[in-house]
Amino acid sequence: MDQRYHLQRNITMLLSNSSNVTAATYAVGCIVVSGTTPPDDAKRKSFELYRTNLSGVTVITFDELLDKLEALHKFLAESPLAVMDDRSSTDGNDTAVEDDDQEEDEDDDLEENT
C-alpha cells in the first residue's frame, strides 16, 4: 500500500521523465503474492476470511498463481482447430444420444411399474 501511495504521489514526476507516455492513477489496485495455500481447513478458512475482507488489496498465493499460469498456458497452447472440433462434436450429436437414453430410461420405468 505504501508503494501505491508513492506511485500516486509521484506519478507526475515519473511521467515527466518519460517521453510520449501518458497515464493516470485512479483507484490503483495492489497485489500481494505470498506463501502457499494453507493445508488444513481451519487455517484455509481463516486465510480466506482475511484476504476477502481486505480493501483495495488482492492476496494470492504462489501455488494459486502457478495454477492460474498453467491454466492460461494450456488455454493459449491449444490449437484453435481442436477447440472448434470439440465444440462441433458436442453441439448436435450428444443431444440425440442423451434423448435416446432418456427415452430408454422412461420405457424401463414404465415396465417396472406395470
PDB file of N, CA and C in Angstrom:
ATOM      1  N   MET A   1       0.836  -1.183   0.000  1.00  0.00           N
ATOM      2  CA  MET A   1       0.000   0.000   0.000  1.00  0.00           C
ATOM      3  C   MET A   1       0.884   1.251   0.000  1.00  0.00           C
ATOM      4  N   ASP A   2       2.046   1.139   0.627  1.00  0.00           N
ATOM      5  CA  ASP A   2       2.990   2.252   0.616  1.00  0.00           C
ATOM      6  C   ASP A   2       3.500   2.500  -0.803  1.00  0.00           C
ATOM      7  N   GLN A   3       3.749   1.442  -1.547  1.00  0.00           N
ATOM      8  CA  GLN A   3       4.189   1.594  -2.938  1.00  0.00           C
ATOM      9  C   GLN A   3       3.102   2.274  -3.762  1.00  0.00           C
ATOM     10  N   ARG A   4       1.850   1.913  -3.519  1.00  0.00           N
ATOM     11  CA  ARG A   4       0.741   2.550  -4.234  1.00  0.00           C
ATOM     12  C   ARG A   4       0.687   4.037  -3.889  1.00  0.00           C
ATOM     13  N   TYR A   5       0.845   4.354  -2.621  1.00  0.00           N
ATOM     14  CA  TYR A   5       0.835   5.743  -2.169  1.00  0.00           C
ATOM     15  C   TYR A   5       1.920   6.553  -2.885  1.00  0.00           C
ATOM     16  N   HIS A   6       3.129   6.005  -2.929  1.00  0.00           N
ATOM     17  CA  HIS A   6       4.231   6.723  -3.576  1.00  0.00           C
ATOM     18  C   HIS A   6       4.019   6.847  -5.082  1.00  0.00           C
ATOM     19  N   LEU A   7       3.458   5.854  -5.709  1.00  0.00           N
ATOM     20  CA  LEU A   7       3.151   5.942  -7.141  1.00  0.00           C
ATOM     21  C   LEU A   7       2.159   7.064  -7.395  1.00  0.00           C
ATOM     22  N   GLN A   8       1.085   7.093  -6.637  1.00  0.00           N
ATOM     23  CA  GLN A   8       0.071   8.122  -6.853  1.00  0.00           C
ATOM     24  C   GLN A   8       0.618   9.513  -6.538  1.00  0.00           C
ATOM     25  N   ARG A   9       1.468   9.607  -5.570  1.00  0.00           N
ATOM     26  CA  ARG A   9       2.027  10.901  -5.169  1.00  0.00           C
ATOM     27  C   ARG A   9       3.041  11.412  -6.197  1.00  0.00           C
ATOM     28  N   ASN A  10       3.807  10.503  -6.803  1.00  0.00           N
ATOM     29  CA  ASN A  10       4.908  10.898  -7.678  1.00  0.00           C
ATOM     30  C   ASN A  10       4.653  10.625  -9.160  1.00  0.00           C
ATOM     31  N   ILE A  11       3.430  10.327  -9.539  1.00  0.00           N
ATOM     32  CA  ILE A  11       3.155   9.969 -10.929  1.00  0.00           C
ATOM     33  C   ILE A  11       3.491  11.102 -11.897  1.00  0.00           C
ATOM     34  N   THR A  12       3.249  12.315 -11.517  1.00  0.00           N
ATOM     35  CA  THR A  12       3.534  13.452 -12.394  1.00  0.00           C
ATOM     36  C   THR A  12       5.026  13.543 -12.674  1.00  0.00           C
ATOM     37  N   MET A  13       5.844  13.408 -11.645  1.00  0.00           N
ATOM     38  CA  MET A  13       7.292  13.470 -11.810  1.00  0.00           C
ATOM     39  C   MET A  13       7.786  12.276 -12.651  1.00  0.00           C
ATOM     40  N   LEU A  14       7.243  11.089 -12.379  1.00  0.00           N
ATOM     41  CA  LEU A  14       7.655   9.915 -13.129  1.00  0.00           C
ATOM     42  C   LEU A  14       7.315  10.050 -14.607  1.00  0.00           C
ATOM     43  N   LEU A  15       6.150  10.598 -14.902  1.00  0.00           N
ATOM     44  CA  LEU A  15       5.738  10.765 -16.291  1.00  0.00           C
ATOM     45  C   LEU A  15       6.511  11.876 -16.987  1.00  0.00           C
ATOM     46  N   SER A  16       6.917  12.900 -16.262  1.00  0.00           N
ATOM     47  CA  SER A  16       7.681  13.983 -16.879  1.00  0.00           C
ATOM     48  C   SER A  16       9.061  13.497 -17.318  1.00  0.00           C
ATOM     49  N   ASN A  17       9.585  12.458 -16.688  1.00  0.00           N
ATOM     50  CA  ASN A  17      10.882  11.892 -17.072  1.00  0.00           C
ATOM     51  C   ASN A  17      10.769  10.963 -18.276  1.00  0.00           C
ATOM     52  N   SER A  18       9.560  10.596 -18.653  1.00  0.00           N
ATOM     53  CA  SER A  18       9.345   9.699 -19.783  1.00  0.00           C
ATOM     54  C   SER A  18       8.783  10.488 -20.954  1.00  0.00           C
ATOM     55  N   SER A  19       9.250  10.167 -22.139  1.00  0.00           N
ATOM     56  CA  SER A  19       8.746  10.887 -23.301  1.00  0.00           C
ATOM     57  C   SER A  19       7.594  10.120 -23.932  1.00  0.00           C
ATOM     58  N   ASN A  20       6.603  10.860 -24.376  1.00  0.00           N
ATOM     59  CA  ASN A  20       5.458  10.304 -25.094  1.00  0.00           C
ATOM     60  C   ASN A  20       4.687   9.252 -24.317  1.00  0.00           C
ATOM     61  N   VAL A  21       4.658   9.358 -23.020  1.00  0.00           N
ATOM     62  CA  VAL A  21       3.902   8.418 -22.201  1.00  0.00           C
ATOM     63  C   VAL A  21       2.852   9.197 -21.426  1.00  0.00           C
ATOM     64  N   THR A  22       1.613   8.756 -21.530  1.00  0.00           N
ATOM     65  CA  THR A  22       0.549   9.368 -20.748  1.00  0.00           C
ATOM     66  C   THR A  22      -0.079   8.289 -19.886  1.00  0.00           C
ATOM     67  N   ALA A  23      -0.362   8.649 -18.682  1.00  0.00           N
ATOM     68  CA  ALA A  23      -1.003   7.714 -17.759  1.00  0.00           C
ATOM     69  C   ALA A  23      -1.668   8.514 -16.658  1.00  0.00           C
ATOM     70  N   ALA A  24      -2.589   7.874 -16.004  1.00  0.00           N
ATOM     71  CA  ALA A  24      -3.262   8.490 -14.867  1.00  0.00           C
ATOM     72  C   ALA A  24      -3.443   7.423 -13.803  1.00  0.00           C
ATOM     73  N   THR A  25      -3.528   7.854 -12.588  1.00  0.00           N
ATOM     74  CA  THR A  25      -3.700   6.894 -11.491  1.00  0.00           C
ATOM     75  C   THR A  25      -5.034   7.134 -10.812  1.00  0.00           C
ATOM     76  N   TYR A  26      -5.966   6.258 -11.082  1.00  0.00           N
ATOM     77  CA  TYR A  26      -7.268   6.268 -10.434  1.00  0.00           C
ATOM     78  C   TYR A  26      -7.483   4.888  -9.841  1.00  0.00           C
ATOM     79  N   ALA A  27      -7.771   4.812  -8.594  1.00  0.00           N
ATOM     80  CA  ALA A  27      -8.086   3.552  -7.925  1.00  0.00           C
ATOM     81  C   ALA A  27      -7.067   2.458  -8.251  1.00  0.00           C
ATOM     82  N   VAL A  28      -5.811   2.744  -7.987  1.00  0.00           N
ATOM     83  CA  VAL A  28      -4.745   1.786  -8.249  1.00  0.00           C
ATOM     84  C   VAL A  28      -4.894   0.602  -7.302  1.00  0.00           C
ATOM     85  N   GLY A  29      -4.889  -0.586  -7.858  1.00  0.00           N
ATOM     86  CA  GLY A  29      -5.004  -1.791  -7.043  1.00  0.00           C
ATOM     87  C   GLY A  29      -3.652  -2.297  -6.592  1.00  0.00           C
ATOM     88  N   CYS A  30      -3.658  -3.105  -5.562  1.00  0.00           N
ATOM     89  CA  CYS A  30      -2.441  -3.721  -5.055  1.00  0.00           C
ATOM     90  C   CYS A  30      -2.590  -5.226  -5.108  1.00  0.00           C
ATOM     91  N   ILE A  31      -1.502  -5.891  -5.466  1.00  0.00           N
ATOM     92  CA  ILE A  31      -1.484  -7.349  -5.465  1.00  0.00           C
ATOM     93  C   ILE A  31      -0.305  -7.805  -4.621  1.00  0.00           C
ATOM     94  N   VAL A  32      -0.577  -8.735  -3.718  1.00  0.00           N
ATOM     95  CA  VAL A  32       0.462  -9.329  -2.892  1.00  0.00           C
ATOM     96  C   VAL A  32       0.504 -10.816  -3.214  1.00  0.00           C
ATOM     97  N   VAL A  33       1.679 -11.300  -3.636  1.00  0.00           N
ATOM     98  CA  VAL A  33       1.875 -12.727  -3.883  1.00  0.00           C
ATOM     99  C   VAL A  33       2.765 -13.226  -2.755  1.00  0.00           C
ATOM    100  N   SER A  34       2.226 -14.161  -1.985  1.00  0.00           N
ATOM    101  CA  SER A  34       2.962 -14.585  -0.795  1.00  0.00           C
ATOM    102  C   SER A  34       2.541 -15.969  -0.349  1.00  0.00           C
ATOM    103  N   GLY A  35       3.488 -16.775   0.073  1.00  0.00           N
ATOM    104  CA  GLY A  35       3.215 -18.050   0.719  1.00  0.00           C
ATOM    105  C   GLY A  35       2.503 -19.061  -0.156  1.00  0.00           C
ATOM    106  N   THR A  36       1.940 -20.067   0.508  1.00  0.00           N
ATOM    107  CA  THR A  36       1.176 -21.117  -0.164  1.00  0.00           C
ATOM    108  C   THR A  36      -0.181 -21.237   0.505  1.00  0.00           C
ATOM    109  N   THR A  37      -1.085 -21.888  -0.174  1.00  0.00           N
ATOM    110  CA  THR A  37      -2.419 -22.093   0.380  1.00  0.00           C
ATOM    111  C   THR A  37      -2.310 -22.979   1.620  1.00  0.00           C
ATOM    112  N   PRO A  38      -2.921 -22.571   2.737  1.00  0.00           N
ATOM    113  CA  PRO A  38      -2.847 -23.376   3.965  1.00  0.00           C
ATOM    114  C   PRO A  38      -3.413 -24.782   3.742  1.00  0.00           C
ATOM    115  N   PRO A  39      -2.738 -25.794   4.288  1.00  0.00           N
ATOM    116  CA  PRO A  39      -3.160 -27.168   4.039  1.00  0.00           C
ATOM    117  C   PRO A  39      -4.395 -27.618   4.819  1.00  0.00           C
ATOM    118  N   ASP A  40      -4.571 -27.134   6.043  1.00  0.00           N
ATOM    119  CA  ASP A  40      -5.727 -27.626   6.815  1.00  0.00           C
ATOM    120  C   ASP A  40      -6.905 -26.664   6.714  1.00  0.00           C
ATOM    121  N   ASP A  41      -8.089 -27.197   6.945  1.00  0.00           N
ATOM    122  CA  ASP A  41      -9.337 -26.447   6.727  1.00  0.00           C
ATOM    123  C   ASP A  41      -9.458 -25.210   7.610  1.00  0.00           C
ATOM    124  N   ALA A  42      -9.079 -25.303   8.874  1.00  0.00           N
ATOM    125  CA  ALA A  42      -9.220 -24.168   9.794  1.00  0.00           C
ATOM    126  C   ALA A  42      -8.333 -22.998   9.355  1.00  0.00           C
ATOM    127  N   LYS A  43      -7.099 -23.296   8.970  1.00  0.00           N
ATOM    128  CA  LYS A  43      -6.190 -22.233   8.524  1.00  0.00           C
ATOM    129  C   LYS A  43      -6.634 -21.667   7.179  1.00  0.00           C
ATOM    130  N   ARG A  44      -7.138 -22.532   6.301  1.00  0.00           N
ATOM    131  CA  ARG A  44      -7.616 -22.068   4.998  1.00  0.00           C
ATOM    132  C   ARG A  44      -8.819 -21.140   5.179  1.00  0.00           C
ATOM    133  N   LYS A  45      -9.724 -21.508   6.080  1.00  0.00           N
ATOM    134  CA  LYS A  45     -10.899 -20.669   6.343  1.00  0.00           C
ATOM    135  C   LYS A  45     -10.468 -19.306   6.861  1.00  0.00           C
ATOM    136  N   SER A  46      -9.535 -19.294   7.803  1.00  0.00           N
ATOM    137  CA  SER A  46      -9.037 -18.042   8.358  1.00  0.00           C
ATOM    138  C   SER A  46      -8.375 -17.187   7.280  1.00  0.00           C
ATOM    139  N   PHE A  47      -7.566 -17.824   6.444  1.00  0.00           N
ATOM    140  CA  PHE A  47      -6.888 -17.123   5.352  1.00  0.00           C
ATOM    141  C   PHE A  47      -7.898 -16.523   4.380  1.00  0.00           C
ATOM    142  N   GLU A  48      -8.916 -17.288   3.998  1.00  0.00           N
ATOM    143  CA  GLU A  48      -9.933 -16.798   3.061  1.00  0.00           C
ATOM    144  C   GLU A  48     -10.709 -15.621   3.656  1.00  0.00           C
ATOM    145  N   LEU A  49     -11.068 -15.728   4.932  1.00  0.00           N
ATOM    146  CA  LEU A  49     -11.774 -14.620   5.589  1.00  0.00           C
ATOM    147  C   LEU A  49     -10.907 -13.367   5.613  1.00  0.00           C
ATOM    148  N   TYR A  50      -9.636 -13.544   5.911  1.00  0.00           N
ATOM    149  CA  TYR A  50      -8.721 -12.406   5.975  1.00  0.00           C
ATOM    150  C   TYR A  50      -8.590 -11.719   4.617  1.00  0.00           C
ATOM    151  N   ARG A  51      -8.281 -12.509   3.585  1.00  0.00           N
ATOM    152  CA  ARG A  51      -7.994 -11.875   2.305  1.00  0.00           C
ATOM    153  C   ARG A  51      -9.231 -11.322   1.609  1.00  0.00           C
ATOM    154  N   THR A  52     -10.398 -11.893   1.852  1.00  0.00           N
ATOM    155  CA  THR A  52     -11.592 -11.342   1.209  1.00  0.00           C
ATOM    156  C   THR A  52     -12.081 -10.069   1.894  1.00  0.00           C
ATOM    157  N   ASN A  53     -11.606  -9.806   3.090  1.00  0.00           N
ATOM    158  CA  ASN A  53     -12.017  -8.593   3.790  1.00  0.00           C
ATOM    159  C   ASN A  53     -11.030  -7.445   3.647  1.00  0.00           C
ATOM    160  N   LEU A  54      -9.952  -7.661   2.891  1.00  0.00           N
ATOM    161  CA  LEU A  54      -9.015  -6.574   2.632  1.00  0.00           C
ATOM    162  C   LEU A  54      -9.620  -5.629   1.601  1.00  0.00           C
ATOM    163  N   SER A  55      -9.378  -4.362   1.759  1.00  0.00           N
ATOM    164  CA  SER A  55      -9.915  -3.378   0.834  1.00  0.00           C
ATOM    165  C   SER A  55      -8.798  -2.850  -0.063  1.00  0.00           C
ATOM    166  N   GLY A  56      -8.971  -3.011  -1.361  1.00  0.00           N
ATOM    167  CA  GLY A  56      -8.003  -2.469  -2.305  1.00  0.00           C
ATOM    168  C   GLY A  56      -6.739  -3.296  -2.456  1.00  0.00           C
ATOM    169  N   VAL A  57      -6.699  -4.488  -1.856  1.00  0.00           N
ATOM    170  CA  VAL A  57      -5.527  -5.353  -1.935  1.00  0.00           C
ATOM    171  C   VAL A  57      -5.984  -6.760  -2.302  1.00  0.00           C
ATOM    172  N   THR A  58      -5.360  -7.332  -3.315  1.00  0.00           N
ATOM    173  CA  THR A  58      -5.625  -8.710  -3.693  1.00  0.00           C
ATOM    174  C   THR A  58      -4.464  -9.555  -3.212  1.00  0.00           C
ATOM    175  N   VAL A  59      -4.763 -10.600  -2.443  1.00  0.00           N
ATOM    176  CA  VAL A  59      -3.724 -11.512  -1.952  1.00  0.00           C
ATOM    177  C   VAL A  59      -3.891 -12.832  -2.698  1.00  0.00           C
ATOM    178  N   ILE A  60      -2.809 -13.302  -3.276  1.00  0.00           N
ATOM    179  CA  ILE A  60      -2.804 -14.579  -3.983  1.00  0.00           C
ATOM    180  C   ILE A  60      -1.558 -15.339  -3.551  1.00  0.00           C
ATOM    181  N   THR A  61      -1.694 -16.644  -3.420  1.00  0.00           N
ATOM    182  CA  THR A  61      -0.548 -17.455  -3.015  1.00  0.00           C
ATOM    183  C   THR A  61       0.233 -17.899  -4.249  1.00  0.00           C
ATOM    184  N   PHE A  62       1.473 -18.315  -4.021  1.00  0.00           N
ATOM    185  CA  PHE A  62       2.306 -18.755  -5.132  1.00  0.00           C
ATOM    186  C   PHE A  62       1.697 -19.960  -5.850  1.00  0.00           C
ATOM    187  N   ASP A  63       1.130 -20.907  -5.099  1.00  0.00           N
ATOM    188  CA  ASP A  63       0.551 -22.079  -5.761  1.00  0.00           C
ATOM    189  C   ASP A  63      -0.705 -21.709  -6.549  1.00  0.00           C
ATOM    190  N   GLU A  64      -1.489 -20.743  -6.073  1.00  0.00           N
ATOM    191  CA  GLU A  64      -2.653 -20.281  -6.840  1.00  0.00           C
ATOM    192  C   GLU A  64      -2.203 -19.589  -8.122  1.00  0.00           C
ATOM    193  N   LEU A  65      -1.157 -18.780  -8.016  1.00  0.00           N
ATOM    194  CA  LEU A  65      -0.622 -18.097  -9.193  1.00  0.00           C
ATOM    195  C   LEU A  65      -0.100 -19.110 -10.203  1.00  0.00           C
ATOM    196  N   LEU A  66       0.603 -20.130  -9.724  1.00  0.00           N
ATOM    197  CA  LEU A  66       1.107 -21.171 -10.618  1.00  0.00           C
ATOM    198  C   LEU A  66      -0.046 -21.886 -11.320  1.00  0.00           C
ATOM    199  N   ASP A  67      -1.105 -22.213 -10.585  1.00  0.00           N
ATOM    200  CA  ASP A  67      -2.271 -22.864 -11.188  1.00  0.00           C
ATOM    201  C   ASP A  67      -2.892 -21.988 -12.277  1.00  0.00           C
ATOM    202  N   LYS A  68      -3.013 -20.690 -11.996  1.00  0.00           N
ATOM    203  CA  LYS A  68      -3.588 -19.770 -12.976  1.00  0.00           C
ATOM    204  C   LYS A  68      -2.711 -19.672 -14.223  1.00  0.00           C
ATOM    205  N   LEU A  69      -1.394 -19.613 -14.026  1.00  0.00           N
ATOM    206  CA  LEU A  69      -0.483 -19.522 -15.164  1.00  0.00           C
ATOM    207  C   LEU A  69      -0.490 -20.807 -15.995  1.00  0.00           C
ATOM    208  N   GLU A  70      -0.560 -21.966 -15.322  1.00  0.00           N
ATOM    209  CA  GLU A  70      -0.628 -23.235 -16.055  1.00  0.00           C
ATOM    210  C   GLU A  70      -1.924 -23.328 -16.857  1.00  0.00           C
ATOM    211  N   ALA A  71      -3.039 -22.892 -16.275  1.00  0.00           N
ATOM    212  CA  ALA A  71      -4.318 -22.911 -16.991  1.00  0.00           C
ATOM    213  C   ALA A  71      -4.277 -21.966 -18.191  1.00  0.00           C
ATOM    214  N   LEU A  72      -3.675 -20.802 -18.014  1.00  0.00           N
ATOM    215  CA  LEU A  72      -3.545 -19.853 -19.117  1.00  0.00           C
ATOM    216  C   LEU A  72      -2.660 -20.426 -20.217  1.00  0.00           C
ATOM    217  N   HIS A  73      -1.548 -21.042 -19.833  1.00  0.00           N
ATOM    218  CA  HIS A  73      -0.654 -21.653 -20.815  1.00  0.00           C
ATOM    219  C   HIS A  73      -1.368 -22.753 -21.590  1.00  0.00           C
ATOM    220  N   LYS A  74      -2.104 -23.586 -20.882  1.00  0.00           N
ATOM    221  CA  LYS A  74      -2.842 -24.670 -21.535  1.00  0.00           C
ATOM    222  C   LYS A  74      -3.864 -24.100 -22.521  1.00  0.00           C
ATOM    223  N   PHE A  75      -4.570 -23.059 -22.089  1.00  0.00           N
ATOM    224  CA  PHE A  75      -5.568 -22.426 -22.953  1.00  0.00           C
ATOM    225  C   PHE A  75      -4.927 -21.836 -24.199  1.00  0.00           C
ATOM    226  N   LEU A  76      -3.820 -21.129 -24.027  1.00  0.00           N
ATOM    227  CA  LEU A  76      -3.166 -20.480 -25.160  1.00  0.00           C
ATOM    228  C   LEU A  76      -2.455 -21.483 -26.067  1.00  0.00           C
ATOM    229  N   ALA A  77      -2.047 -22.632 -25.516  1.00  0.00           N
ATOM    230  CA  ALA A  77      -1.331 -23.631 -26.299  1.00  0.00           C
ATOM    231  C   ALA A  77      -2.267 -24.509 -27.119  1.00  0.00           C
ATOM    232  N   GLU A  78      -3.551 -24.553 -26.770  1.00  0.00           N
ATOM    233  CA  GLU A  78      -4.499 -25.385 -27.507  1.00  0.00           C
ATOM    234  C   GLU A  78      -4.670 -24.870 -28.923  1.00  0.00           C
ATOM    235  N   SER A  79      -4.775 -25.805 -29.837  1.00  0.00           N
ATOM    236  CA  SER A  79      -4.995 -25.461 -31.232  1.00  0.00           C
ATOM    237  C   SER A  79      -6.425 -24.953 -31.397  1.00  0.00           C
ATOM    238  N   PRO A  80      -6.603 -23.835 -32.083  1.00  0.00           N
ATOM    239  CA  PRO A  80      -7.976 -23.346 -32.310  1.00  0.00           C
ATOM    240  C   PRO A  80      -8.834 -24.357 -33.063  1.00  0.00           C
ATOM    241  N   LEU A  81      -8.221 -25.138 -33.947  1.00  0.00           N
ATOM    242  CA  LEU A  81      -8.981 -26.139 -34.689  1.00  0.00           C
ATOM    243  C   LEU A  81      -9.447 -27.251 -33.760  1.00  0.00           C
ATOM    244  N   ALA A  82      -8.616 -27.655 -32.804  1.00  0.00           N
ATOM    245  CA  ALA A  82      -9.009 -28.704 -31.867  1.00  0.00           C
ATOM    246  C   ALA A  82     -10.173 -28.238 -31.009  1.00  0.00           C
ATOM    247  N   VAL A  83     -10.142 -26.991 -30.609  1.00  0.00           N
ATOM    248  CA  VAL A  83     -11.235 -26.440 -29.808  1.00  0.00           C
ATOM    249  C   VAL A  83     -12.515 -26.409 -30.624  1.00  0.00           C
ATOM    250  N   MET A  84     -12.421 -26.002 -31.880  1.00  0.00           N
ATOM    251  CA  MET A  84     -13.603 -25.961 -32.745  1.00  0.00           C
ATOM    252  C   MET A  84     -14.131 -27.369 -32.986  1.00  0.00           C
ATOM    253  N   ASP A  85     -13.245 -28.353 -33.179  1.00  0.00           N
ATOM    254  CA  ASP A  85     -13.673 -29.736 -33.376  1.00  0.00           C
ATOM    255  C   ASP A  85     -14.413 -30.251 -32.153  1.00  0.00           C
ATOM    256  N   ASP A  86     -13.897 -29.943 -30.958  1.00  0.00           N
ATOM    257  CA  ASP A  86     -14.550 -30.370 -29.724  1.00  0.00           C
ATOM    258  C   ASP A  86     -15.940 -29.769 -29.607  1.00  0.00           C
ATOM    259  N   ARG A  87     -16.070 -28.514 -29.951  1.00  0.00           N
ATOM    260  CA  ARG A  87     -17.370 -27.846 -29.842  1.00  0.00           C
ATOM    261  C   ARG A  87     -18.365 -28.399 -30.849  1.00  0.00           C
ATOM    262  N   SER A  88     -17.922 -28.637 -32.067  1.00  0.00           N
ATOM    263  CA  SER A  88     -18.854 -29.119 -33.087  1.00  0.00           C
ATOM    264  C   SER A  88     -19.292 -30.545 -32.815  1.00  0.00           C
ATOM    265  N   SER A  89     -18.432 -31.358 -32.185  1.00  0.00           N
ATOM    266  CA  SER A  89     -18.824 -32.741 -31.912  1.00  0.00           C
ATOM    267  C   SER A  89     -19.830 -32.828 -30.777  1.00  0.00           C
ATOM    268  N   THR A  90     -19.873 -31.845 -29.899  1.00  0.00           N
ATOM    269  CA  THR A  90     -20.817 -31.889 -28.789  1.00  0.00           C
ATOM    270  C   THR A  90     -22.094 -31.123 -29.076  1.00  0.00           C
ATOM    271  N   ASP A  91     -22.118 -30.318 -30.138  1.00  0.00           N
ATOM    272  CA  ASP A  91     -23.293 -29.498 -30.397  1.00  0.00           C
ATOM    273  C   ASP A  91     -24.517 -30.302 -30.807  1.00  0.00           C
ATOM    274  N   GLY A  92     -24.378 -31.219 -31.760  1.00  0.00           N
ATOM    275  CA  GLY A  92     -25.557 -31.888 -32.257  1.00  0.00           C
ATOM    276  C   GLY A  92     -25.650 -33.342 -31.875  1.00  0.00           C
ATOM    277  N   ASN A  93     -24.561 -34.044 -31.902  1.00  0.00           N
ATOM    278  CA  ASN A  93     -24.602 -35.491 -31.744  1.00  0.00           C
ATOM    279  C   ASN A  93     -24.920 -35.940 -30.330  1.00  0.00           C
ATOM    280  N   ASP A  94     -24.342 -35.320 -29.328  1.00  0.00           N
ATOM    281  CA  ASP A  94     -24.565 -35.747 -27.946  1.00  0.00           C
ATOM    282  C   ASP A  94     -26.004 -35.543 -27.513  1.00  0.00           C
ATOM    283  N   THR A  95     -26.658 -34.514 -28.020  1.00  0.00           N
ATOM    284  CA  THR A  95     -28.035 -34.251 -27.638  1.00  0.00           C
ATOM    285  C   THR A  95     -28.930 -35.395 -28.074  1.00  0.00           C
ATOM    286  N   ALA A  96     -28.707 -35.894 -29.282  1.00  0.00           N
ATOM    287  CA  ALA A  96     -29.526 -37.000 -29.777  1.00  0.00           C
ATOM    288  C   ALA A  96     -29.304 -38.245 -28.937  1.00  0.00           C
ATOM    289  N   VAL A  97     -28.064 -38.519 -28.549  1.00  0.00           N
ATOM    290  CA  VAL A  97     -27.769 -39.692 -27.727  1.00  0.00           C
ATOM    291  C   VAL A  97     -28.417 -39.542 -26.359  1.00  0.00           C
ATOM    292  N   GLU A  98     -28.355 -38.352 -25.783  1.00  0.00           N
ATOM    293  CA  GLU A  98     -28.975 -38.121 -24.474  1.00  0.00           C
ATOM    294  C   GLU A  98     -30.479 -38.311 -24.552  1.00  0.00           C
ATOM    295  N   ASP A  99     -31.116 -37.846 -25.642  1.00  0.00           N
ATOM    296  CA  ASP A  99     -32.557 -38.004 -25.801  1.00  0.00           C
ATOM    297  C   ASP A  99     -32.930 -39.482 -25.880  1.00  0.00           C
ATOM    298  N   ASP A 100     -32.141 -40.270 -26.623  1.00  0.00           N
ATOM    299  CA  ASP A 100     -32.395 -41.703 -26.729  1.00  0.00           C
ATOM    300  C   ASP A 100     -32.262 -42.385 -25.381  1.00  0.00           C
ATOM    301  N   ASP A 101     -31.226 -42.021 -24.613  1.00  0.00           N
ATOM    302  CA  ASP A 101     -31.022 -42.605 -23.286  1.00  0.00           C
ATOM    303  C   ASP A 101     -32.177 -42.273 -22.360  1.00  0.00           C
ATOM    304  N   GLN A 102     -32.660 -41.027 -22.437  1.00  0.00           N
ATOM    305  CA  GLN A 102     -33.773 -40.617 -21.584  1.00  0.00           C
ATOM    306  C   GLN A 102     -35.036 -41.393 -21.940  1.00  0.00           C
ATOM    307  N   GLU A 103     -35.286 -41.609 -23.238  1.00  0.00           N
ATOM    308  CA  GLU A 103     -36.463 -42.373 -23.653  1.00  0.00           C
ATOM    309  C   GLU A 103     -36.373 -43.810 -23.163  1.00  0.00           C
ATOM    310  N   GLU A 104     -35.176 -44.429 -23.229  1.00  0.00           N
ATOM    311  CA  GLU A 104     -34.995 -45.796 -22.746  1.00  0.00           C
ATOM    312  C   GLU A 104     -35.248 -45.882 -21.241  1.00  0.00           C
ATOM    313  N   ASP A 105     -34.775 -44.898 -20.497  1.00  0.00           N
ATOM    314  CA  ASP A 105     -34.992 -44.870 -19.051  1.00  0.00           C
ATOM    315  C   ASP A 105     -36.477 -44.760 -18.736  1.00  0.00           C
ATOM    316  N   GLU A 106     -37.192 -43.919 -19.495  1.00  0.00           N
ATOM    317  CA  GLU A 106     -38.627 -43.768 -19.268  1.00  0.00           C
ATOM    318  C   GLU A 106     -39.357 -45.070 -19.577  1.00  0.00           C
ATOM    319  N   ASP A 107     -38.952 -45.775 -20.654  1.00  0.00           N
ATOM    320  CA  ASP A 107     -39.561 -47.064 -21.003  1.00  0.00           C
ATOM    321  C   ASP A 107     -39.317 -48.085 -19.894  1.00  0.00           C
ATOM    322  N   ASP A 108     -38.109 -48.116 -19.351  1.00  0.00           N
ATOM    323  CA  ASP A 108     -37.782 -49.042 -18.265  1.00  0.00           C
ATOM    324  C   ASP A 108     -38.629 -48.752 -17.037  1.00  0.00           C
ATOM    325  N   ASP A 109     -38.839 -47.479 -16.722  1.00  0.00           N
ATOM    326  CA  ASP A 109     -39.656 -47.095 -15.567  1.00  0.00           C
ATOM    327  C   ASP A 109     -41.095 -47.562 -15.753  1.00  0.00           C
ATOM    328  N   LEU A 110     -41.614 -47.423 -16.981  1.00  0.00           N
ATOM    329  CA  LEU A 110     -42.976 -47.850 -17.246  1.00  0.00           C
ATOM    330  C   LEU A 110     -43.133 -49.361 -17.076  1.00  0.00           C
ATOM    331  N   GLU A 111     -42.148 -50.119 -17.570  1.00  0.00           N
ATOM    332  CA  GLU A 111     -42.200 -51.575 -17.446  1.00  0.00           C
ATOM    333  C   GLU A 111     -42.144 -52.027 -16.001  1.00  0.00           C
ATOM    334  N   GLU A 112     -41.357 -51.342 -15.188  1.00  0.00           N
ATOM    335  CA  GLU A 112     -41.249 -51.696 -13.776  1.00  0.00           C
ATOM    336  C   GLU A 112     -42.547 -51.416 -13.032  1.00  0.00           C
ATOM    337  N   ASN A 113     -43.252 -50.381 -13.414  1.00  0.00           N
ATOM    338  CA  ASN A 113     -44.495 -50.009 -12.722  1.00  0.00           C
ATOM    339  C   ASN A 113     -45.681 -50.883 -13.100  1.00  0.00           C
ATOM    340  N   THR A 114     -45.619 -51.602 -14.226  1.00  0.00           N
ATOM    341  CA  THR A 114     -46.749 -52.407 -14.653  1.00  0.00           C
ATOM    342  C   THR A 114     -46.656 -53.836 -14.201  1.00  0.00           C
TER     343      THR A 114
END
